[in-house]
Amino acid sequence: GDRKTVQLQTVKHAEKNLGEICHLLGSYTRKTAKLRDKADLLVAQLFDFSSTEGHEVQMGLKNLAEDLAMIQDYRQAQVERLETRVVGPLKAFGGVVKNKRADLKKFNTDLNRELKELRKVEKIRLRNPADRKSIVSFLKLENTQSHMNLKYLILLCSYL
């Protein structure tokens, strides 16, 4: 009971926080890309304006435009790195968390089924304690299934 609750809370906590982090990083990446686009427009406008001015102003505006263009190259690299190295892997990890939630749900369903079967065995034992053969064969089957589910739970916990 306690361990199951802790695992469910861990998965819920991871889903909530990863979702929020992905949302914020996506927003940050989009806004950085918009800033890059606006600066590209500014660079183009500076080049256009410089062509209509005198030599000194023209050189100053072109230098400013070139410097601003270099900054935008760095901003472009930042956007690409954010998308490939941060947002992408976080989205993939979100899928892992969803799979773990589904696995945990399946395990809980199996566990509840096993508990129900054990209650059934207890009822059989109380009704007819002399029928040991059917009780023992039923318990052997349940023990095999429980052992497989226990291994699965241990494997599942190691990934959380």
N, C-alpha and C. Protein backbone atom coordinates (compact mmCIF):
# COMPACT_ATOMS: atom_id res chain seq x y z
N GLY A 1 0.80 -1.19 0.00
CA GLY A 1 0.00 0.00 0.00
C GLY A 1 0.85 1.25 0.00
N ASP A 2 1.74 1.37 1.00
CA ASP A 2 2.57 2.57 1.14
C ASP A 2 3.51 2.76 -0.05
N ARG A 3 4.14 1.68 -0.45
CA ARG A 3 5.09 1.75 -1.56
C ARG A 3 4.37 2.11 -2.86
N LYS A 4 3.18 1.53 -3.03
CA LYS A 4 2.39 1.80 -4.23
C LYS A 4 2.01 3.28 -4.27
N THR A 5 1.61 3.83 -3.14
CA THR A 5 1.24 5.24 -3.07
C THR A 5 2.43 6.14 -3.38
N VAL A 6 3.58 5.80 -2.83
CA VAL A 6 4.79 6.59 -3.07
C VAL A 6 5.15 6.56 -4.55
N GLN A 7 5.04 5.40 -5.18
CA GLN A 7 5.37 5.29 -6.61
C GLN A 7 4.40 6.11 -7.44
N LEU A 8 3.12 6.04 -7.13
CA LEU A 8 2.13 6.83 -7.87
C LEU A 8 2.40 8.32 -7.70
N GLN A 9 2.73 8.74 -6.48
CA GLN A 9 3.02 10.15 -6.24
C GLN A 9 4.28 10.59 -6.99
N THR A 10 5.28 9.71 -7.05
CA THR A 10 6.51 10.02 -7.78
C THR A 10 6.21 10.23 -9.25
N VAL A 11 5.39 9.36 -9.83
CA VAL A 11 5.04 9.49 -11.25
C VAL A 11 4.23 10.75 -11.49
N LYS A 12 3.25 11.03 -10.63
CA LYS A 12 2.43 12.24 -10.79
C LYS A 12 3.29 13.50 -10.67
N HIS A 13 4.19 13.50 -9.70
CA HIS A 13 5.09 14.64 -9.48
C HIS A 13 5.97 14.87 -10.71
N ALA A 14 6.52 13.79 -11.25
CA ALA A 14 7.38 13.90 -12.44
C ALA A 14 6.58 14.41 -13.63
N GLU A 15 5.37 13.89 -13.82
CA GLU A 15 4.53 14.35 -14.94
C GLU A 15 4.23 15.83 -14.83
N LYS A 16 3.83 16.26 -13.64
CA LYS A 16 3.47 17.66 -13.43
C LYS A 16 4.66 18.58 -13.71
N ASN A 17 5.79 18.28 -13.09
CA ASN A 17 6.95 19.15 -13.23
C ASN A 17 7.55 19.11 -14.63
N LEU A 18 7.62 17.93 -15.22
CA LEU A 18 8.16 17.85 -16.58
C LEU A 18 7.27 18.59 -17.57
N GLY A 19 5.98 18.48 -17.38
CA GLY A 19 5.06 19.20 -18.26
C GLY A 19 5.26 20.70 -18.16
N GLU A 20 5.40 21.20 -16.96
CA GLU A 20 5.60 22.64 -16.76
C GLU A 20 6.96 23.08 -17.32
N ILE A 21 7.99 22.29 -17.08
CA ILE A 21 9.32 22.63 -17.59
C ILE A 21 9.31 22.64 -19.12
N CYS A 22 8.70 21.62 -19.73
CA CYS A 22 8.62 21.58 -21.20
C CYS A 22 7.86 22.78 -21.74
N HIS A 23 6.77 23.13 -21.07
CA HIS A 23 5.98 24.29 -21.51
C HIS A 23 6.82 25.57 -21.46
N LEU A 24 7.50 25.79 -20.34
CA LEU A 24 8.31 27.00 -20.19
C LEU A 24 9.49 27.03 -21.15
N LEU A 25 10.17 25.89 -21.32
CA LEU A 25 11.29 25.85 -22.26
C LEU A 25 10.82 26.06 -23.69
N GLY A 26 9.69 25.49 -24.03
CA GLY A 26 9.13 25.70 -25.37
C GLY A 26 8.81 27.17 -25.59
N SER A 27 8.21 27.79 -24.59
CA SER A 27 7.88 29.21 -24.68
C SER A 27 9.15 30.06 -24.80
N TYR A 28 10.15 29.74 -24.00
CA TYR A 28 11.43 30.46 -24.06
C TYR A 28 12.07 30.31 -25.44
N THR A 29 12.05 29.10 -25.97
CA THR A 29 12.64 28.85 -27.29
C THR A 29 11.90 29.62 -28.37
N ARG A 30 10.56 29.61 -28.33
CA ARG A 30 9.77 30.35 -29.32
C ARG A 30 10.04 31.85 -29.24
N LYS A 31 10.10 32.38 -28.01
CA LYS A 31 10.35 33.82 -27.86
C LYS A 31 11.76 34.19 -28.31
N THR A 32 12.72 33.33 -28.05
CA THR A 32 14.08 33.58 -28.53
C THR A 32 14.10 33.58 -30.06
N ALA A 33 13.37 32.66 -30.67
CA ALA A 33 13.30 32.61 -32.14
C ALA A 33 12.61 33.86 -32.69
N LYS A 34 11.56 34.34 -32.01
CA LYS A 34 10.89 35.57 -32.46
C LYS A 34 11.84 36.77 -32.35
N LEU A 35 12.59 36.82 -31.27
CA LEU A 35 13.57 37.90 -31.09
C LEU A 35 14.61 37.86 -32.21
N ARG A 36 15.06 36.66 -32.55
CA ARG A 36 16.00 36.50 -33.66
C ARG A 36 15.39 37.01 -34.96
N ASP A 37 14.13 36.66 -35.21
CA ASP A 37 13.45 37.11 -36.44
C ASP A 37 13.32 38.63 -36.50
N LYS A 38 12.96 39.24 -35.37
CA LYS A 38 12.84 40.71 -35.33
C LYS A 38 14.20 41.37 -35.57
N ALA A 39 15.24 40.81 -34.97
CA ALA A 39 16.58 41.37 -35.17
C ALA A 39 17.02 41.22 -36.63
N ASP A 40 16.63 40.11 -37.27
CA ASP A 40 16.95 39.95 -38.70
C ASP A 40 16.27 41.04 -39.52
N LEU A 41 15.03 41.38 -39.17
CA LEU A 41 14.34 42.47 -39.86
C LEU A 41 15.06 43.80 -39.62
N LEU A 42 15.51 44.01 -38.39
CA LEU A 42 16.24 45.22 -38.06
C LEU A 42 17.55 45.32 -38.86
N VAL A 43 18.26 44.21 -38.99
CA VAL A 43 19.50 44.19 -39.78
C VAL A 43 19.20 44.57 -41.22
N ALA A 44 18.15 43.99 -41.79
CA ALA A 44 17.79 44.31 -43.18
C ALA A 44 17.45 45.79 -43.32
N GLN A 45 16.71 46.32 -42.34
CA GLN A 45 16.33 47.73 -42.38
C GLN A 45 17.57 48.64 -42.26
N LEU A 46 18.51 48.25 -41.41
CA LEU A 46 19.75 49.03 -41.27
C LEU A 46 20.54 49.05 -42.58
N PHE A 47 20.63 47.90 -43.25
CA PHE A 47 21.34 47.87 -44.54
C PHE A 47 20.63 48.73 -45.58
N ASP A 48 19.29 48.65 -45.61
CA ASP A 48 18.53 49.47 -46.56
C ASP A 48 18.75 50.96 -46.30
N PHE A 49 18.66 51.34 -45.03
CA PHE A 49 18.81 52.75 -44.67
C PHE A 49 20.23 53.25 -44.96
N SER A 50 21.22 52.37 -44.71
CA SER A 50 22.62 52.79 -44.91
C SER A 50 22.90 53.14 -46.36
N SER A 51 22.20 52.51 -47.27
CA SER A 51 22.46 52.76 -48.70
C SER A 51 22.02 54.16 -49.13
N THR A 52 21.20 54.81 -48.34
CA THR A 52 20.71 56.15 -48.69
C THR A 52 21.48 57.26 -47.99
N GLU A 53 22.45 56.90 -47.15
CA GLU A 53 23.16 57.90 -46.35
C GLU A 53 24.56 58.16 -46.90
N GLY A 54 25.19 59.16 -46.30
CA GLY A 54 26.55 59.52 -46.67
C GLY A 54 27.52 58.43 -46.23
N HIS A 55 28.77 58.56 -46.68
CA HIS A 55 29.77 57.52 -46.48
C HIS A 55 29.99 57.16 -44.99
N GLU A 56 30.19 58.16 -44.13
CA GLU A 56 30.46 57.87 -42.71
C GLU A 56 29.27 57.21 -42.04
N VAL A 57 28.08 57.75 -42.24
CA VAL A 57 26.87 57.16 -41.65
C VAL A 57 26.64 55.78 -42.23
N GLN A 58 26.87 55.66 -43.53
CA GLN A 58 26.69 54.36 -44.19
C GLN A 58 27.60 53.31 -43.56
N MET A 59 28.87 53.63 -43.33
CA MET A 59 29.81 52.69 -42.72
C MET A 59 29.38 52.33 -41.29
N GLY A 60 28.96 53.33 -40.52
CA GLY A 60 28.50 53.08 -39.15
C GLY A 60 27.28 52.17 -39.11
N LEU A 61 26.31 52.43 -39.99
CA LEU A 61 25.10 51.60 -40.04
C LEU A 61 25.41 50.17 -40.50
N LYS A 62 26.30 50.04 -41.49
CA LYS A 62 26.67 48.70 -41.97
C LYS A 62 27.39 47.92 -40.87
N ASN A 63 28.31 48.59 -40.15
CA ASN A 63 29.01 47.93 -39.05
C ASN A 63 28.02 47.48 -37.96
N LEU A 64 27.09 48.36 -37.64
CA LEU A 64 26.06 48.01 -36.65
C LEU A 64 25.24 46.81 -37.13
N ALA A 65 24.84 46.84 -38.40
CA ALA A 65 24.04 45.75 -38.96
C ALA A 65 24.83 44.43 -38.95
N GLU A 66 26.10 44.50 -39.29
CA GLU A 66 26.92 43.28 -39.30
C GLU A 66 27.11 42.72 -37.89
N ASP A 67 27.34 43.60 -36.93
CA ASP A 67 27.48 43.15 -35.54
C ASP A 67 26.18 42.53 -35.03
N LEU A 68 25.09 43.18 -35.36
CA LEU A 68 23.78 42.65 -34.95
C LEU A 68 23.51 41.30 -35.64
N ALA A 69 23.92 41.16 -36.88
CA ALA A 69 23.75 39.89 -37.61
C ALA A 69 24.57 38.78 -36.95
N MET A 70 25.78 39.12 -36.47
CA MET A 70 26.60 38.11 -35.78
C MET A 70 25.92 37.66 -34.49
N ILE A 71 25.34 38.60 -33.78
CA ILE A 71 24.62 38.25 -32.55
C ILE A 71 23.47 37.30 -32.87
N GLN A 72 22.80 37.55 -33.99
CA GLN A 72 21.68 36.70 -34.37
C GLN A 72 22.14 35.30 -34.77
N ASP A 73 23.36 35.19 -35.29
CA ASP A 73 23.91 33.86 -35.58
C ASP A 73 24.04 33.07 -34.28
N TYR A 74 24.51 33.73 -33.23
CA TYR A 74 24.60 33.07 -31.92
C TYR A 74 23.21 32.72 -31.39
N ARG A 75 22.27 33.62 -31.59
CA ARG A 75 20.90 33.36 -31.13
C ARG A 75 20.31 32.17 -31.89
N GLN A 76 20.60 32.07 -33.19
CA GLN A 76 20.13 30.92 -33.98
C GLN A 76 20.71 29.62 -33.43
N ALA A 77 21.99 29.64 -33.10
CA ALA A 77 22.62 28.45 -32.52
C ALA A 77 21.98 28.11 -31.18
N GLN A 78 21.65 29.13 -30.40
CA GLN A 78 21.00 28.92 -29.11
C GLN A 78 19.64 28.25 -29.30
N VAL A 79 18.85 28.74 -30.25
CA VAL A 79 17.53 28.16 -30.51
C VAL A 79 17.67 26.70 -30.94
N GLU A 80 18.60 26.43 -31.85
CA GLU A 80 18.79 25.05 -32.32
C GLU A 80 19.23 24.13 -31.19
N ARG A 81 20.13 24.61 -30.35
CA ARG A 81 20.59 23.78 -29.22
C ARG A 81 19.47 23.54 -28.22
N LEU A 82 18.69 24.56 -27.95
CA LEU A 82 17.56 24.38 -27.04
C LEU A 82 16.60 23.32 -27.56
N GLU A 83 16.29 23.41 -28.85
CA GLU A 83 15.35 22.46 -29.44
C GLU A 83 15.89 21.03 -29.43
N THR A 84 17.16 20.86 -29.80
CA THR A 84 17.70 19.51 -29.94
C THR A 84 18.24 18.92 -28.64
N ARG A 85 18.82 19.74 -27.79
CA ARG A 85 19.49 19.20 -26.61
C ARG A 85 18.69 19.31 -25.32
N VAL A 86 17.66 20.13 -25.33
CA VAL A 86 16.90 20.32 -24.09
C VAL A 86 15.44 19.92 -24.27
N VAL A 87 14.75 20.60 -25.16
CA VAL A 87 13.31 20.36 -25.31
C VAL A 87 13.05 18.94 -25.83
N GLY A 88 13.78 18.51 -26.85
CA GLY A 88 13.58 17.17 -27.41
C GLY A 88 13.75 16.06 -26.38
N PRO A 89 14.89 16.02 -25.68
CA PRO A 89 15.07 14.97 -24.66
C PRO A 89 14.04 15.03 -23.53
N LEU A 90 13.63 16.24 -23.14
CA LEU A 90 12.61 16.33 -22.09
C LEU A 90 11.28 15.77 -22.57
N LYS A 91 10.93 16.04 -23.83
CA LYS A 91 9.70 15.47 -24.37
C LYS A 91 9.78 13.95 -24.39
N ALA A 92 10.93 13.42 -24.76
CA ALA A 92 11.12 11.97 -24.79
C ALA A 92 10.99 11.39 -23.38
N PHE A 93 11.53 12.08 -22.39
CA PHE A 93 11.43 11.61 -21.01
C PHE A 93 9.98 11.65 -20.54
N GLY A 94 9.21 12.61 -21.04
CA GLY A 94 7.78 12.64 -20.73
C GLY A 94 7.09 11.37 -21.18
N GLY A 95 7.48 10.85 -22.34
CA GLY A 95 6.92 9.59 -22.82
C GLY A 95 7.29 8.43 -21.91
N VAL A 96 8.51 8.45 -21.41
CA VAL A 96 8.96 7.41 -20.48
C VAL A 96 8.10 7.44 -19.22
N VAL A 97 7.83 8.63 -18.71
CA VAL A 97 7.02 8.77 -17.50
C VAL A 97 5.60 8.25 -17.76
N LYS A 98 5.04 8.56 -18.93
CA LYS A 98 3.70 8.06 -19.26
C LYS A 98 3.69 6.54 -19.33
N ASN A 99 4.74 5.95 -19.91
CA ASN A 99 4.82 4.49 -19.96
C ASN A 99 4.93 3.90 -18.57
N LYS A 100 5.69 4.54 -17.70
CA LYS A 100 5.83 4.05 -16.32
C LYS A 100 4.49 4.12 -15.59
N ARG A 101 3.72 5.17 -15.86
CA ARG A 101 2.40 5.29 -15.25
C ARG A 101 1.51 4.13 -15.71
N ALA A 102 1.54 3.83 -17.00
CA ALA A 102 0.74 2.73 -17.53
C ALA A 102 1.20 1.40 -16.93
N ASP A 103 2.53 1.21 -16.81
CA ASP A 103 3.05 -0.02 -16.22
C ASP A 103 2.63 -0.15 -14.77
N LEU A 104 2.69 0.94 -14.04
CA LEU A 104 2.30 0.93 -12.64
C LEU A 104 0.81 0.64 -12.49
N LYS A 105 0.01 1.20 -13.37
CA LYS A 105 -1.43 0.93 -13.35
C LYS A 105 -1.70 -0.55 -13.61
N LYS A 106 -0.99 -1.12 -14.58
CA LYS A 106 -1.16 -2.55 -14.89
C LYS A 106 -0.75 -3.39 -13.69
N PHE A 107 0.37 -3.02 -13.07
CA PHE A 107 0.82 -3.77 -11.90
C PHE A 107 -0.22 -3.71 -10.78
N ASN A 108 -0.78 -2.52 -10.54
CA ASN A 108 -1.79 -2.37 -9.49
C ASN A 108 -3.02 -3.20 -9.80
N THR A 109 -3.42 -3.26 -11.06
CA THR A 109 -4.56 -4.08 -11.46
C THR A 109 -4.25 -5.55 -11.18
N ASP A 110 -3.05 -6.00 -11.56
CA ASP A 110 -2.65 -7.39 -11.31
C ASP A 110 -2.60 -7.68 -9.81
N LEU A 111 -2.08 -6.74 -9.05
CA LEU A 111 -1.99 -6.93 -7.61
C LEU A 111 -3.38 -7.05 -6.99
N ASN A 112 -4.29 -6.19 -7.40
CA ASN A 112 -5.66 -6.26 -6.88
C ASN A 112 -6.32 -7.58 -7.26
N ARG A 113 -6.06 -8.06 -8.49
CA ARG A 113 -6.62 -9.35 -8.91
C ARG A 113 -6.07 -10.47 -8.04
N GLU A 114 -4.77 -10.43 -7.75
CA GLU A 114 -4.16 -11.45 -6.92
C GLU A 114 -4.73 -11.44 -5.50
N LEU A 115 -4.94 -10.24 -4.97
CA LEU A 115 -5.52 -10.15 -3.62
C LEU A 115 -6.92 -10.75 -3.60
N LYS A 116 -7.67 -10.49 -4.66
CA LYS A 116 -9.01 -11.06 -4.77
C LYS A 116 -8.95 -12.58 -4.83
N GLU A 117 -7.98 -13.11 -5.57
CA GLU A 117 -7.82 -14.56 -5.67
C GLU A 117 -7.41 -15.16 -4.32
N LEU A 118 -6.57 -14.47 -3.59
CA LEU A 118 -6.17 -14.97 -2.26
C LEU A 118 -7.36 -14.99 -1.30
N ARG A 119 -8.22 -14.00 -1.41
CA ARG A 119 -9.44 -14.01 -0.59
C ARG A 119 -10.31 -15.20 -0.96
N LYS A 120 -10.33 -15.51 -2.26
CA LYS A 120 -11.11 -16.65 -2.73
C LYS A 120 -10.56 -17.95 -2.14
N VAL A 121 -9.24 -18.09 -2.10
CA VAL A 121 -8.61 -19.28 -1.51
C VAL A 121 -8.95 -19.38 -0.03
N GLU A 122 -8.92 -18.25 0.64
CA GLU A 122 -9.25 -18.26 2.07
C GLU A 122 -10.68 -18.72 2.28
N LYS A 123 -11.60 -18.29 1.42
CA LYS A 123 -12.99 -18.74 1.52
C LYS A 123 -13.09 -20.24 1.28
N ILE A 124 -12.35 -20.75 0.28
CA ILE A 124 -12.36 -22.19 0.00
C ILE A 124 -11.84 -22.94 1.22
N ARG A 125 -10.78 -22.44 1.80
CA ARG A 125 -10.18 -23.10 2.97
C ARG A 125 -11.14 -23.11 4.15
N LEU A 126 -11.84 -22.00 4.35
CA LEU A 126 -12.77 -21.92 5.47
C LEU A 126 -13.97 -22.84 5.26
N ARG A 127 -14.45 -22.94 4.01
CA ARG A 127 -15.61 -23.80 3.72
C ARG A 127 -15.26 -25.27 3.80
N ASN A 128 -14.11 -25.65 3.26
CA ASN A 128 -13.75 -27.07 3.19
C ASN A 128 -12.26 -27.24 3.46
N PRO A 129 -11.86 -27.22 4.74
CA PRO A 129 -10.44 -27.32 5.07
C PRO A 129 -9.81 -28.65 4.64
N ALA A 130 -10.62 -29.67 4.42
CA ALA A 130 -10.09 -30.99 4.06
C ALA A 130 -9.66 -31.05 2.60
N ASP A 131 -10.12 -30.11 1.76
CA ASP A 131 -9.81 -30.14 0.33
C ASP A 131 -8.47 -29.44 0.07
N ARG A 132 -7.41 -30.01 0.63
CA ARG A 132 -6.08 -29.43 0.53
C ARG A 132 -5.54 -29.47 -0.90
N LYS A 133 -5.91 -30.48 -1.64
CA LYS A 133 -5.35 -30.63 -2.99
C LYS A 133 -5.71 -29.45 -3.89
N SER A 134 -6.96 -29.03 -3.91
CA SER A 134 -7.36 -27.91 -4.77
C SER A 134 -6.77 -26.59 -4.26
N ILE A 135 -6.66 -26.46 -2.94
CA ILE A 135 -6.08 -25.24 -2.37
C ILE A 135 -4.59 -25.15 -2.73
N VAL A 136 -3.86 -26.26 -2.58
CA VAL A 136 -2.43 -26.27 -2.88
C VAL A 136 -2.18 -25.99 -4.36
N SER A 137 -2.94 -26.61 -5.25
CA SER A 137 -2.73 -26.37 -6.69
C SER A 137 -3.05 -24.92 -7.05
N PHE A 138 -4.09 -24.37 -6.44
CA PHE A 138 -4.44 -22.98 -6.69
C PHE A 138 -3.34 -22.04 -6.20
N LEU A 139 -2.81 -22.33 -5.01
CA LEU A 139 -1.75 -21.50 -4.45
C LEU A 139 -0.45 -21.58 -5.26
N LYS A 140 -0.14 -22.75 -5.81
CA LYS A 140 1.06 -22.88 -6.65
C LYS A 140 0.94 -21.98 -7.88
N LEU A 141 -0.22 -21.99 -8.51
CA LEU A 141 -0.45 -21.15 -9.68
C LEU A 141 -0.32 -19.68 -9.30
N GLU A 142 -0.94 -19.28 -8.20
CA GLU A 142 -0.88 -17.89 -7.76
C GLU A 142 0.55 -17.48 -7.38
N ASN A 143 1.28 -18.39 -6.75
CA ASN A 143 2.65 -18.08 -6.35
C ASN A 143 3.53 -17.81 -7.57
N THR A 144 3.36 -18.58 -8.62
CA THR A 144 4.13 -18.36 -9.85
C THR A 144 3.82 -17.00 -10.44
N GLN A 145 2.54 -16.65 -10.53
CA GLN A 145 2.14 -15.35 -11.08
C GLN A 145 2.63 -14.21 -10.20
N SER A 146 2.55 -14.37 -8.89
CA SER A 146 3.00 -13.33 -7.96
C SER A 146 4.50 -13.10 -8.10
N HIS A 147 5.25 -14.17 -8.24
CA HIS A 147 6.70 -14.05 -8.38
C HIS A 147 7.06 -13.27 -9.64
N MET A 148 6.35 -13.56 -10.74
CA MET A 148 6.61 -12.83 -11.99
C MET A 148 6.27 -11.35 -11.82
N ASN A 149 5.16 -11.04 -11.16
CA ASN A 149 4.77 -9.65 -10.96
C ASN A 149 5.72 -8.93 -10.02
N LEU A 150 6.24 -9.63 -9.03
CA LEU A 150 7.20 -9.02 -8.11
C LEU A 150 8.48 -8.64 -8.86
N LYS A 151 8.96 -9.53 -9.72
CA LYS A 151 10.14 -9.20 -10.53
C LYS A 151 9.87 -7.98 -11.39
N TYR A 152 8.69 -7.92 -11.97
CA TYR A 152 8.31 -6.80 -12.83
C TYR A 152 8.28 -5.50 -12.03
N LEU A 153 7.74 -5.53 -10.80
CA LEU A 153 7.67 -4.34 -9.97
C LEU A 153 9.08 -3.86 -9.61
N ILE A 154 9.96 -4.78 -9.28
CA ILE A 154 11.33 -4.40 -8.94
C ILE A 154 12.00 -3.74 -10.15
N LEU A 155 11.78 -4.29 -11.33
CA LEU A 155 12.33 -3.70 -12.55
C LEU A 155 11.74 -2.31 -12.78
N LEU A 156 10.44 -2.18 -12.60
CA LEU A 156 9.76 -0.89 -12.79
C LEU A 156 10.32 0.16 -11.82
N CYS A 157 10.50 -0.22 -10.57
CA CYS A 157 10.99 0.73 -9.56
C CYS A 157 12.41 1.18 -9.87
N SER A 158 13.19 0.33 -10.48
CA SER A 158 14.57 0.71 -10.77
C SER A 158 14.65 1.80 -11.82
N TYR A 159 13.60 1.99 -12.63
CA TYR A 159 13.60 3.04 -13.65
C TYR A 159 13.04 4.35 -13.14
N LEU A 160 12.40 4.37 -11.99
CA LEU A 160 11.80 5.61 -11.47
C LEU A 160 12.76 6.39 -10.63
